[in-house]
Amino acid sequence: MHKVIERILNLLAFLLTTGKPVTADEIRTTVAGYDQATDDAFHRMFERDKDLLRRLGIPLELAPTDGWQVEHGYVVDPDTYALPDPGLTDDERAALWLAAEVVRLGGQVAAPDALFKLGGAPMTASGEPLAASLTEGSDDLGTAFLAVVERRQLLFDYREKARRVDPYGLVHRRGHWYLVGAEGETTKVFRMDKATRVDVGDDVDAFDRPTGFRAADFIPETPWEAGADEMVAKVRFGPTMAWWARRQIGNRGSLHEDSDGGIEAMIPVANPEAFIGWLLSFDDNAELLEPPELRQRLVDRVAEGR
């Protein structure tokens, strides 16, 4: 049953993110779990999975793959599948997530599915957990949230230095909570689980949040963007996974299309270890070409895993 659930989730994630109708053959070669030995075995499995998705109320539809309407593929419209956007602010989504983490029903953590649809935990390219653990430091997180809502200054120690920050917002990203706020004249980002001796100032409405400010804009979308290093990686992605690499890189690098359907990408890297971890998820469909020192680190990582 575990394998069935994993395969169904892989299929649904692929259909929601591909952005176009995809054929059964594309699904077979791309989605993990469909590596069946024969065509008949694959088609039987795929028919069962399609039926299960539809019984779950997921709008799986057939649509033409091109303008001639000769070939058809499968698609799930994200707008039909998802709940309507209620227009929650970052603060409201943070409050909703905190409530879901704190409340227990029958001894179980509240299911996060509805929060995903409300924008409480966006998909990332890192493969890291979407949920943040509040078992340690949950009091500090609550204190920070109070400071954000009531616009009180937040006092804490961070990297062996006492800080006094105007907290503009909290953002959950890649399994951690980040505080975005002004320290002096500079807007900075602090990872909450690294902060100690967290306390709030006495005055309510002690600062004004900039008009139109979005805390999420200050948090890197990908884990390899968050770090102190500055390098540019040259990577070639094979044609099988080029579509996925293109989607995850987005506008964070320059892409060159190869004649065989693959792509060559120049990607800024600030966190080499996170970048290597991401590349390894492509297995043999990605080749790190430059710089040499980063390539060697990748080789060493692979050797350690043998």
Protein backbone atom coordinates (compact mmCIF):
# COMPACT_ATOMS: atom_id res chain seq x y z
CA MET A 1 0.00 0.00 0.00
CA HIS A 2 2.88 2.36 0.79
CA LYS A 3 4.24 1.99 -2.75
CA VAL A 4 0.79 2.65 -4.23
CA ILE A 5 0.38 5.87 -2.22
CA GLU A 6 3.89 7.03 -3.14
CA ARG A 7 3.27 6.32 -6.82
CA ILE A 8 -0.10 8.13 -6.80
CA LEU A 9 1.45 11.18 -5.12
CA ASN A 10 4.30 11.19 -7.65
CA LEU A 11 1.78 11.02 -10.49
CA LEU A 12 -0.37 13.81 -9.06
CA ALA A 13 2.64 16.06 -8.44
CA PHE A 14 3.82 15.52 -12.00
CA LEU A 15 0.41 16.26 -13.53
CA LEU A 16 0.01 19.42 -11.44
CA THR A 17 3.41 20.84 -12.31
CA THR A 18 4.02 19.82 -15.92
CA GLY A 19 1.82 22.60 -17.29
CA LYS A 20 0.67 20.64 -20.38
CA PRO A 21 -1.10 17.38 -21.28
CA VAL A 22 1.28 14.41 -21.07
CA THR A 23 0.95 11.03 -22.72
CA ALA A 24 0.96 7.69 -20.93
CA ASP A 25 4.40 6.98 -22.38
CA GLU A 26 5.77 10.23 -20.92
CA ILE A 27 4.32 9.30 -17.55
CA ARG A 28 5.85 5.84 -17.76
CA THR A 29 9.35 7.17 -18.42
CA THR A 30 9.20 10.13 -16.00
CA VAL A 31 7.14 9.27 -12.91
CA ALA A 32 8.79 7.03 -10.31
CA GLY A 33 6.96 3.74 -9.72
CA TYR A 34 5.96 2.91 -13.31
CA ASP A 35 9.03 0.91 -14.24
CA GLN A 36 7.03 -2.14 -15.29
CA ALA A 37 8.62 -4.92 -17.32
CA THR A 38 5.88 -5.16 -19.95
CA ASP A 39 3.48 -2.76 -21.65
CA ASP A 40 0.47 -4.72 -20.37
CA ALA A 41 1.65 -4.52 -16.75
CA PHE A 42 2.16 -0.77 -17.05
CA HIS A 43 -1.24 -0.14 -18.64
CA ARG A 44 -3.06 -2.22 -16.01
CA MET A 45 -1.33 -0.29 -13.23
CA PHE A 46 -1.93 3.07 -14.90
CA GLU A 47 -5.63 2.35 -15.46
CA ARG A 48 -6.04 1.50 -11.76
CA ASP A 49 -4.24 4.68 -10.73
CA LYS A 50 -6.35 6.87 -13.04
CA ASP A 51 -9.52 5.36 -11.61
CA LEU A 52 -8.28 5.95 -8.04
CA LEU A 53 -7.47 9.62 -8.75
CA ARG A 54 -10.92 10.20 -10.20
CA ARG A 55 -12.65 8.44 -7.28
CA LEU A 56 -10.73 10.80 -4.98
CA GLY A 57 -12.35 13.72 -6.80
CA ILE A 58 -9.22 14.81 -8.65
CA PRO A 59 -10.15 16.26 -12.07
CA LEU A 60 -7.98 14.08 -14.33
CA GLU A 61 -8.83 14.90 -17.94
CA LEU A 62 -7.76 14.03 -21.47
CA ALA A 63 -6.69 16.94 -23.66
CA PRO A 64 -4.93 17.34 -27.05
CA THR A 65 -1.14 17.55 -26.83
CA ASP A 66 -0.92 19.75 -29.94
CA GLY A 67 -2.99 21.95 -32.21
CA TRP A 68 -3.81 19.11 -34.61
CA GLN A 69 -5.51 17.12 -31.84
CA VAL A 70 -4.05 13.87 -33.14
CA GLU A 71 -2.47 12.83 -29.85
CA HIS A 72 -4.07 13.24 -26.43
CA GLY A 73 -2.54 13.36 -22.99
CA TYR A 74 -3.54 13.59 -19.35
CA VAL A 75 -3.72 16.80 -17.36
CA VAL A 76 -4.94 18.05 -13.98
CA ASP A 77 -5.93 21.72 -14.04
CA PRO A 78 -4.37 23.29 -10.89
CA ASP A 79 -7.12 25.93 -10.77
CA THR A 80 -9.83 23.25 -10.75
CA TYR A 81 -7.99 21.05 -8.28
CA ALA A 82 -7.02 23.73 -5.76
CA LEU A 83 -9.26 25.68 -3.45
CA PRO A 84 -9.94 29.29 -4.46
CA ASP A 85 -7.22 31.63 -3.19
CA PRO A 86 -8.67 33.30 -0.07
CA GLY A 87 -6.10 36.10 -0.31
CA LEU A 88 -4.35 35.38 2.99
CA THR A 89 -1.40 37.56 3.91
CA ASP A 90 1.95 36.10 4.96
CA ASP A 91 1.09 36.81 8.59
CA GLU A 92 -2.29 35.10 8.30
CA ARG A 93 -0.77 32.01 6.67
CA ALA A 94 1.87 31.89 9.41
CA ALA A 95 -0.86 32.10 12.06
CA LEU A 96 -2.85 29.35 10.35
CA TRP A 97 0.16 27.09 10.17
CA LEU A 98 1.01 27.70 13.82
CA ALA A 99 -2.56 26.85 14.82
CA ALA A 100 -2.44 23.61 12.83
CA GLU A 101 0.86 22.62 14.42
CA VAL A 102 -0.26 23.39 17.96
CA VAL A 103 -3.73 21.79 17.84
CA ARG A 104 -3.92 18.01 18.18
CA LEU A 105 -7.03 16.02 17.32
CA GLY A 106 -7.16 12.57 18.89
CA GLY A 107 -3.45 12.73 19.57
CA GLN A 108 -2.62 13.34 15.89
CA VAL A 109 -1.14 16.35 14.21
CA ALA A 110 -3.67 18.16 12.04
CA ALA A 111 -3.34 17.16 8.38
CA PRO A 112 -1.53 19.84 6.32
CA ASP A 113 -3.33 19.21 3.00
CA ALA A 114 -5.72 22.15 3.31
CA LEU A 115 -2.87 24.46 4.28
CA PHE A 116 -0.98 23.47 1.13
CA LYS A 117 -3.94 24.63 -0.96
CA LEU A 118 -4.13 27.88 1.00
CA GLY A 119 -0.49 28.66 0.25
CA GLY A 120 0.83 27.82 3.71
CA ALA A 121 3.62 25.57 2.47
CA PRO A 122 4.73 26.17 -1.12
CA MET A 123 6.42 23.48 -3.18
CA THR A 124 10.16 23.77 -3.37
CA ALA A 125 12.84 22.47 -5.53
CA SER A 126 14.96 21.20 -2.71
CA GLY A 127 13.18 18.01 -1.76
CA GLU A 128 13.47 19.07 1.86
CA PRO A 129 10.54 18.74 4.29
CA LEU A 130 7.69 21.19 3.93
CA ALA A 131 6.79 21.17 7.61
CA ALA A 132 8.67 22.85 10.42
CA SER A 133 9.24 21.06 13.70
CA LEU A 134 7.95 23.07 16.63
CA THR A 135 9.02 20.60 19.31
CA GLU A 136 12.00 22.82 20.16
CA GLY A 137 11.84 26.60 20.23
CA SER A 138 8.07 26.81 19.78
CA ASP A 139 7.87 29.39 22.60
CA ASP A 140 10.41 31.59 20.79
CA LEU A 141 8.43 31.26 17.56
CA GLY A 142 5.25 32.32 19.35
CA THR A 143 7.09 35.29 20.84
CA ALA A 144 8.32 36.31 17.40
CA PHE A 145 4.84 36.00 15.94
CA LEU A 146 3.46 38.23 18.72
CA ALA A 147 6.13 40.82 17.94
CA VAL A 148 5.22 40.76 14.23
CA VAL A 149 1.49 41.11 14.83
CA GLU A 150 1.74 43.83 17.51
CA ARG A 151 4.71 45.55 15.84
CA ARG A 152 6.92 45.29 18.89
CA GLN A 153 10.68 45.20 18.65
CA LEU A 154 12.22 41.75 19.00
CA LEU A 155 15.33 41.22 21.12
CA PHE A 156 17.46 38.08 20.78
CA ASP A 157 20.99 36.72 20.50
CA TYR A 158 22.10 35.57 17.05
CA ARG A 159 25.60 34.45 16.05
CA GLU A 160 27.01 35.56 19.39
CA LYS A 161 25.63 39.07 19.01
CA ALA A 162 22.72 40.81 20.73
CA ARG A 163 20.11 41.95 18.20
CA ARG A 164 17.29 44.49 18.31
CA VAL A 165 15.07 44.05 15.24
CA ASP A 166 11.85 45.54 13.88
CA PRO A 167 10.15 42.26 12.85
CA TYR A 168 8.30 42.64 9.55
CA GLY A 169 7.24 39.03 9.01
CA LEU A 170 7.79 35.30 9.49
CA VAL A 171 8.31 32.94 6.56
CA HIS A 172 8.34 29.15 6.53
CA ARG A 173 10.74 27.75 3.96
CA ARG A 174 12.42 24.33 3.57
CA GLY A 175 11.51 23.08 7.04
CA HIS A 176 12.54 26.21 8.97
CA TRP A 177 11.00 29.49 10.11
CA TYR A 178 12.76 32.71 9.14
CA LEU A 179 12.28 36.16 10.62
CA VAL A 180 12.57 39.08 8.22
CA GLY A 181 13.04 42.50 9.78
CA ALA A 182 15.06 45.69 10.02
CA GLU A 183 18.17 45.89 12.15
CA GLY A 184 19.06 49.54 12.01
CA GLU A 185 18.70 50.66 8.40
CA THR A 186 19.18 47.19 6.90
CA THR A 187 16.55 44.52 6.26
CA LYS A 188 17.93 41.14 7.32
CA VAL A 189 16.85 37.51 7.56
CA PHE A 190 17.31 35.38 10.70
CA ARG A 191 16.64 31.65 11.08
CA MET A 192 14.52 31.33 14.20
CA ASP A 193 15.96 28.04 15.45
CA LYS A 194 19.38 29.74 15.61
CA ALA A 195 18.12 32.60 17.80
CA THR A 196 18.37 32.43 21.60
CA ARG A 197 17.08 34.50 24.53
CA VAL A 198 14.16 35.76 22.45
CA ASP A 199 12.07 38.54 24.03
CA VAL A 200 9.76 41.36 22.90
CA GLY A 201 9.94 45.05 23.60
CA ASP A 202 7.34 46.78 25.78
CA ASP A 203 5.95 49.21 23.21
CA VAL A 204 3.16 48.25 20.82
CA ASP A 205 3.24 49.83 17.32
CA ALA A 206 6.91 50.63 17.84
CA PHE A 207 7.65 50.70 14.08
CA ASP A 208 5.93 50.91 10.71
CA ARG A 209 6.12 48.07 8.25
CA PRO A 210 7.00 49.36 4.72
CA THR A 211 4.02 49.66 2.41
CA GLY A 212 3.61 46.60 0.19
CA PHE A 213 6.31 44.70 2.05
CA ARG A 214 6.41 40.91 1.43
CA ALA A 215 8.67 39.00 3.78
CA ALA A 216 8.78 36.01 1.40
CA ASP A 217 10.60 38.14 -1.20
CA PHE A 218 13.68 38.18 1.06
CA ILE A 219 13.94 34.38 1.38
CA PRO A 220 15.72 32.48 -1.41
CA GLU A 221 13.41 30.11 -3.27
CA THR A 222 16.04 27.39 -3.57
CA PRO A 223 18.43 26.08 -0.87
CA TRP A 224 21.55 26.63 -2.97
CA GLU A 225 20.87 30.39 -3.03
CA ALA A 226 21.16 30.72 0.75
CA GLY A 227 24.83 30.84 1.70
CA ALA A 228 28.06 32.80 1.73
CA ASP A 229 29.80 31.33 -1.33
CA GLU A 230 29.69 32.99 -4.74
CA MET A 231 30.20 30.77 -7.77
CA VAL A 232 28.46 29.88 -11.01
CA ALA A 233 27.90 26.20 -11.83
CA LYS A 234 27.74 24.93 -15.39
CA VAL A 235 25.50 21.87 -15.61
CA ARG A 236 24.19 19.79 -18.49
CA PHE A 237 20.80 18.12 -17.98
CA GLY A 238 19.85 15.23 -20.25
CA PRO A 239 16.70 15.35 -22.38
CA THR A 240 14.75 13.02 -20.07
CA MET A 241 14.81 15.41 -17.11
CA ALA A 242 15.46 18.72 -18.87
CA TRP A 243 11.84 19.79 -18.40
CA TRP A 244 12.10 19.32 -14.62
CA ALA A 245 15.44 21.13 -14.37
CA ARG A 246 14.04 24.02 -16.41
CA ARG A 247 11.02 24.29 -14.12
CA GLN A 248 13.10 24.29 -10.93
CA ILE A 249 15.78 26.68 -12.17
CA GLY A 250 13.21 29.15 -13.49
CA ASN A 251 14.76 32.58 -13.92
CA ARG A 252 17.57 31.86 -11.46
CA GLY A 253 20.02 30.91 -14.21
CA SER A 254 20.68 31.12 -17.93
CA LEU A 255 19.68 28.15 -20.12
CA HIS A 256 20.90 26.95 -23.52
CA GLU A 257 18.85 24.37 -25.42
CA ASP A 258 20.81 21.45 -26.93
CA SER A 259 19.82 19.81 -30.20
CA ASP A 260 18.96 16.51 -28.46
CA GLY A 261 16.42 18.14 -26.11
CA GLY A 262 18.78 18.55 -23.18
CA ILE A 263 19.79 21.87 -21.68
CA GLU A 264 23.02 23.48 -20.50
CA ALA A 265 22.53 25.79 -17.52
CA MET A 266 24.65 28.44 -15.80
CA ILE A 267 23.38 28.60 -12.19
CA PRO A 268 24.56 30.97 -9.40
CA VAL A 269 25.42 28.94 -6.29
CA ALA A 270 25.79 30.32 -2.76
CA ASN A 271 25.48 26.99 -0.88
CA PRO A 272 27.53 24.26 -2.64
CA GLU A 273 26.41 21.38 -0.40
CA ALA A 274 22.72 22.13 -0.96
CA PHE A 275 23.34 22.45 -4.70
CA ILE A 276 25.15 19.10 -4.83
CA GLY A 277 22.30 17.47 -2.93
CA TRP A 278 19.84 18.81 -5.50
CA LEU A 279 21.96 17.64 -8.45
CA LEU A 280 22.17 14.11 -7.04
CA SER A 281 18.38 13.86 -7.24
CA PHE A 282 18.76 13.81 -11.05
CA ASP A 283 20.89 10.65 -10.88
CA ASP A 284 22.73 10.30 -14.22
CA ASN A 285 20.56 12.89 -15.97
CA ALA A 286 22.76 15.78 -14.79
CA GLU A 287 26.49 16.39 -15.32
CA LEU A 288 28.30 19.11 -13.40
CA LEU A 289 30.88 20.57 -15.80
CA GLU A 290 32.26 23.61 -13.97
CA PRO A 291 33.82 24.90 -11.77
CA PRO A 292 36.40 22.15 -11.13
CA GLU A 293 36.37 22.54 -7.35
CA LEU A 294 32.60 22.11 -7.18
CA ARG A 295 32.76 19.13 -9.53
CA GLN A 296 35.36 17.52 -7.24
CA ARG A 297 33.11 18.03 -4.23
CA LEU A 298 30.34 16.25 -6.11
CA VAL A 299 32.66 13.37 -6.96
CA ASP A 300 33.73 13.11 -3.30
CA ARG A 301 30.09 13.10 -2.15
CA VAL A 302 29.22 10.28 -4.53
CA ALA A 303 32.29 8.30 -3.42
CA GLU A 304 31.33 8.67 0.24
CA GLY A 305 27.89 7.26 -0.49
CA ARG A 306 29.18 4.04 -2.02
